[in-house]
Amino acid sequence: MEANSNIIVSQIATESLIQDLRQIIEQARGHVAATANYAQTMMYWHIGERINREVLENQRAEYGKQIVSQVATQLQDEYGKKGFEPRNIRRMMQFAKEFPDSKIVSQVATKLFWSHFVEVLALKDPLQREFYITLAASERWGRDKLRKEIDGMLFERTAISGKPEE
């Protein structure tokens, strides 16, 4: 009888240990993912800002197309195709242009993914972009939720009502 009790106690202790280990692993993985996402988003901002400032001097459209193509090819050769397609390089440039303050981007990038920024880059109104980015960060929206709110015209509905939705 005592042997069975010891086995049950041992199984309970093992389950408790496993549960604690799962929590440690999940927290570490979440931290790694958040850190990697932050670094990627800031890297993209810096790439866009550097191209805008140093190479294009924010002008010369035809030259800019050539530079984007050359930069994309070179970065893809060195770092792989994913993330460095010409289209994404142009997004990086637009990102740095539409969000010129790196300190603000840095703060928000701790809570949002690159895909969040890509979603709002299509919006023409700077106030709209800021509205959605602020809400997405404060409410911890995923990209799909952000897209749903943009498609549902939350900004416009909030502006019409004169107050934010609860």
Protein backbone atom coordinates (compact mmCIF):
# COMPACT_ATOMS: atom_id res chain seq x y z
CA MET A 1 0.00 0.00 0.00
CA GLU A 2 2.84 2.38 0.93
CA ALA A 3 4.59 1.67 -2.38
CA ASN A 4 1.47 2.77 -4.28
CA SER A 5 1.34 6.00 -2.23
CA ASN A 6 4.95 6.73 -3.04
CA ILE A 7 4.31 6.15 -6.75
CA ILE A 8 1.30 8.50 -6.71
CA VAL A 9 3.27 11.19 -4.82
CA SER A 10 6.14 10.77 -7.27
CA GLN A 11 3.80 11.10 -10.26
CA ILE A 12 2.22 14.25 -8.80
CA ALA A 13 5.66 15.74 -8.13
CA THR A 14 6.77 14.89 -11.66
CA GLU A 15 3.64 16.48 -13.16
CA SER A 16 4.22 19.61 -11.08
CA LEU A 17 7.84 19.73 -12.25
CA ILE A 18 6.82 19.26 -15.88
CA GLN A 19 4.23 22.04 -15.55
CA ASP A 20 6.87 24.40 -14.11
CA LEU A 21 9.30 23.48 -16.89
CA ARG A 22 6.64 24.14 -19.52
CA GLN A 23 6.08 27.60 -18.07
CA ILE A 24 9.82 28.35 -18.08
CA ILE A 25 10.12 27.20 -21.71
CA GLU A 26 7.06 29.17 -22.88
CA GLN A 27 8.26 32.36 -21.16
CA ALA A 28 11.74 32.02 -22.68
CA ARG A 29 10.34 31.32 -26.15
CA GLY A 30 8.03 34.33 -25.88
CA HIS A 31 10.94 36.52 -24.85
CA VAL A 32 13.11 35.25 -27.70
CA ALA A 33 10.32 35.84 -30.23
CA ALA A 34 9.64 39.36 -28.93
CA THR A 35 13.34 40.22 -28.96
CA ALA A 36 13.81 38.85 -32.48
CA ASN A 37 10.73 40.70 -33.73
CA TYR A 38 11.90 43.97 -32.19
CA ALA A 39 15.34 43.58 -33.76
CA GLN A 40 13.87 42.75 -37.17
CA THR A 41 11.46 45.70 -37.12
CA MET A 42 14.20 48.13 -36.10
CA MET A 43 16.56 46.65 -38.70
CA TYR A 44 13.94 47.26 -41.39
CA TRP A 45 13.40 50.83 -40.16
CA HIS A 46 17.15 51.53 -40.22
CA ILE A 47 17.56 50.02 -43.70
CA GLY A 48 14.71 52.17 -45.01
CA GLU A 49 15.96 55.29 -43.27
CA ARG A 50 19.51 54.76 -44.51
CA ILE A 51 18.42 54.30 -48.12
CA ASN A 52 16.14 57.33 -47.91
CA ARG A 53 18.74 59.56 -46.30
CA GLU A 54 22.09 58.45 -47.63
CA VAL A 55 21.40 57.09 -51.08
CA LEU A 56 18.27 58.72 -52.38
CA GLU A 57 18.37 61.96 -50.43
CA ASN A 58 14.57 61.59 -50.52
CA GLN A 59 14.40 62.32 -54.26
CA ARG A 60 15.47 61.06 -57.72
CA ALA A 61 12.77 58.46 -58.44
CA GLU A 62 14.38 56.74 -61.45
CA TYR A 63 17.72 56.41 -59.71
CA GLY A 64 15.83 55.13 -56.66
CA LYS A 65 14.29 52.26 -58.63
CA GLN A 66 17.74 51.15 -59.77
CA ILE A 67 19.17 51.42 -56.27
CA VAL A 68 16.31 49.42 -54.73
CA SER A 69 16.82 46.67 -57.29
CA GLN A 70 20.60 46.61 -56.76
CA VAL A 71 20.30 46.70 -52.96
CA ALA A 72 17.69 43.92 -53.00
CA THR A 73 19.85 41.71 -55.23
CA GLN A 74 22.96 42.23 -53.12
CA LEU A 75 21.17 41.65 -49.80
CA GLN A 76 19.42 38.55 -51.17
CA ASP A 77 22.75 37.14 -52.35
CA GLU A 78 24.26 37.65 -48.92
CA TYR A 79 21.30 37.01 -46.57
CA GLY A 80 18.76 35.00 -48.55
CA LYS A 81 15.70 36.01 -50.50
CA LYS A 82 13.23 36.18 -47.61
CA GLY A 83 12.71 39.72 -46.39
CA PHE A 84 14.93 41.45 -48.93
CA GLU A 85 12.74 41.42 -52.03
CA PRO A 86 12.56 44.79 -53.86
CA ARG A 87 8.95 45.18 -52.70
CA ASN A 88 9.98 44.76 -49.07
CA ILE A 89 12.92 47.15 -49.49
CA ARG A 90 10.43 49.75 -50.76
CA ARG A 91 8.24 49.03 -47.72
CA MET A 92 11.23 49.62 -45.46
CA MET A 93 11.80 52.97 -47.15
CA GLN A 94 8.13 53.89 -46.81
CA PHE A 95 8.17 52.72 -43.18
CA ALA A 96 11.06 55.04 -42.33
CA LYS A 97 9.42 57.89 -44.22
CA GLU A 98 5.98 57.47 -42.63
CA PHE A 99 7.39 56.83 -39.14
CA PRO A 100 10.42 59.15 -39.06
CA ASP A 101 11.02 59.09 -35.29
CA SER A 102 13.11 56.03 -34.41
CA LYS A 103 12.38 56.48 -30.69
CA ILE A 104 8.65 56.13 -31.24
CA VAL A 105 9.16 53.18 -33.60
CA SER A 106 11.43 51.58 -31.01
CA GLN A 107 8.78 51.87 -28.28
CA VAL A 108 5.97 50.49 -30.43
CA ALA A 109 8.13 47.75 -31.96
CA THR A 110 8.32 46.06 -28.55
CA LYS A 111 4.59 45.29 -28.88
CA LEU A 112 3.98 44.93 -32.62
CA PHE A 113 5.33 42.85 -35.47
CA TRP A 114 6.62 44.06 -38.82
CA SER A 115 3.37 42.79 -40.34
CA HIS A 116 1.43 45.34 -38.25
CA PHE A 117 3.42 48.16 -39.80
CA VAL A 118 2.97 46.73 -43.29
CA GLU A 119 -0.82 46.76 -42.73
CA VAL A 120 -0.91 50.47 -41.86
CA LEU A 121 1.54 51.58 -44.56
CA ALA A 122 -1.28 51.29 -47.10
CA LEU A 123 -3.25 53.97 -45.24
CA LYS A 124 -2.86 57.45 -46.71
CA ASP A 125 -3.76 59.49 -43.61
CA PRO A 126 -0.93 59.83 -41.03
CA LEU A 127 -3.50 60.27 -38.25
CA GLN A 128 -5.15 57.02 -39.30
CA ARG A 129 -1.82 55.18 -39.23
CA GLU A 130 -1.04 56.54 -35.79
CA PHE A 131 -4.54 55.68 -34.53
CA TYR A 132 -4.29 52.04 -35.60
CA ILE A 133 -0.69 51.55 -34.48
CA THR A 134 -1.45 53.06 -31.07
CA LEU A 135 -4.54 50.91 -30.57
CA ALA A 136 -2.87 47.77 -31.88
CA ALA A 137 0.02 48.26 -29.44
CA SER A 138 -2.09 49.16 -26.41
CA GLU A 139 -4.70 46.45 -27.03
CA ARG A 140 -2.13 43.85 -28.14
CA TRP A 141 -3.96 43.18 -31.39
CA GLY A 142 -2.66 40.53 -33.72
CA ARG A 143 -2.20 41.39 -37.38
CA ASP A 144 -5.51 39.80 -38.32
CA LYS A 145 -7.39 41.83 -35.68
CA LEU A 146 -5.69 45.00 -36.93
CA ARG A 147 -6.68 44.20 -40.52
CA LYS A 148 -10.26 43.51 -39.40
CA GLU A 149 -10.47 46.88 -37.61
CA ILE A 150 -9.02 48.72 -40.61
CA ASP A 151 -11.43 46.94 -42.97
CA GLY A 152 -14.26 47.70 -40.53
CA MET A 153 -13.29 51.38 -40.64
CA LEU A 154 -12.84 51.75 -36.87
CA PHE A 155 -11.00 55.03 -37.34
CA GLU A 156 -13.81 56.55 -39.37
CA ARG A 157 -16.51 55.24 -37.02
CA THR A 158 -14.61 56.59 -34.02
CA ALA A 159 -14.14 59.98 -35.72
CA ILE A 160 -17.86 60.16 -36.53
CA SER A 161 -18.90 59.25 -33.00
CA GLY A 162 -16.41 61.70 -31.52
CA LYS A 163 -15.10 59.20 -28.97
CA PRO A 164 -13.10 55.98 -28.98
CA GLU A 165 -15.01 52.72 -28.82
CA GLU A 166 -15.05 50.99 -25.48
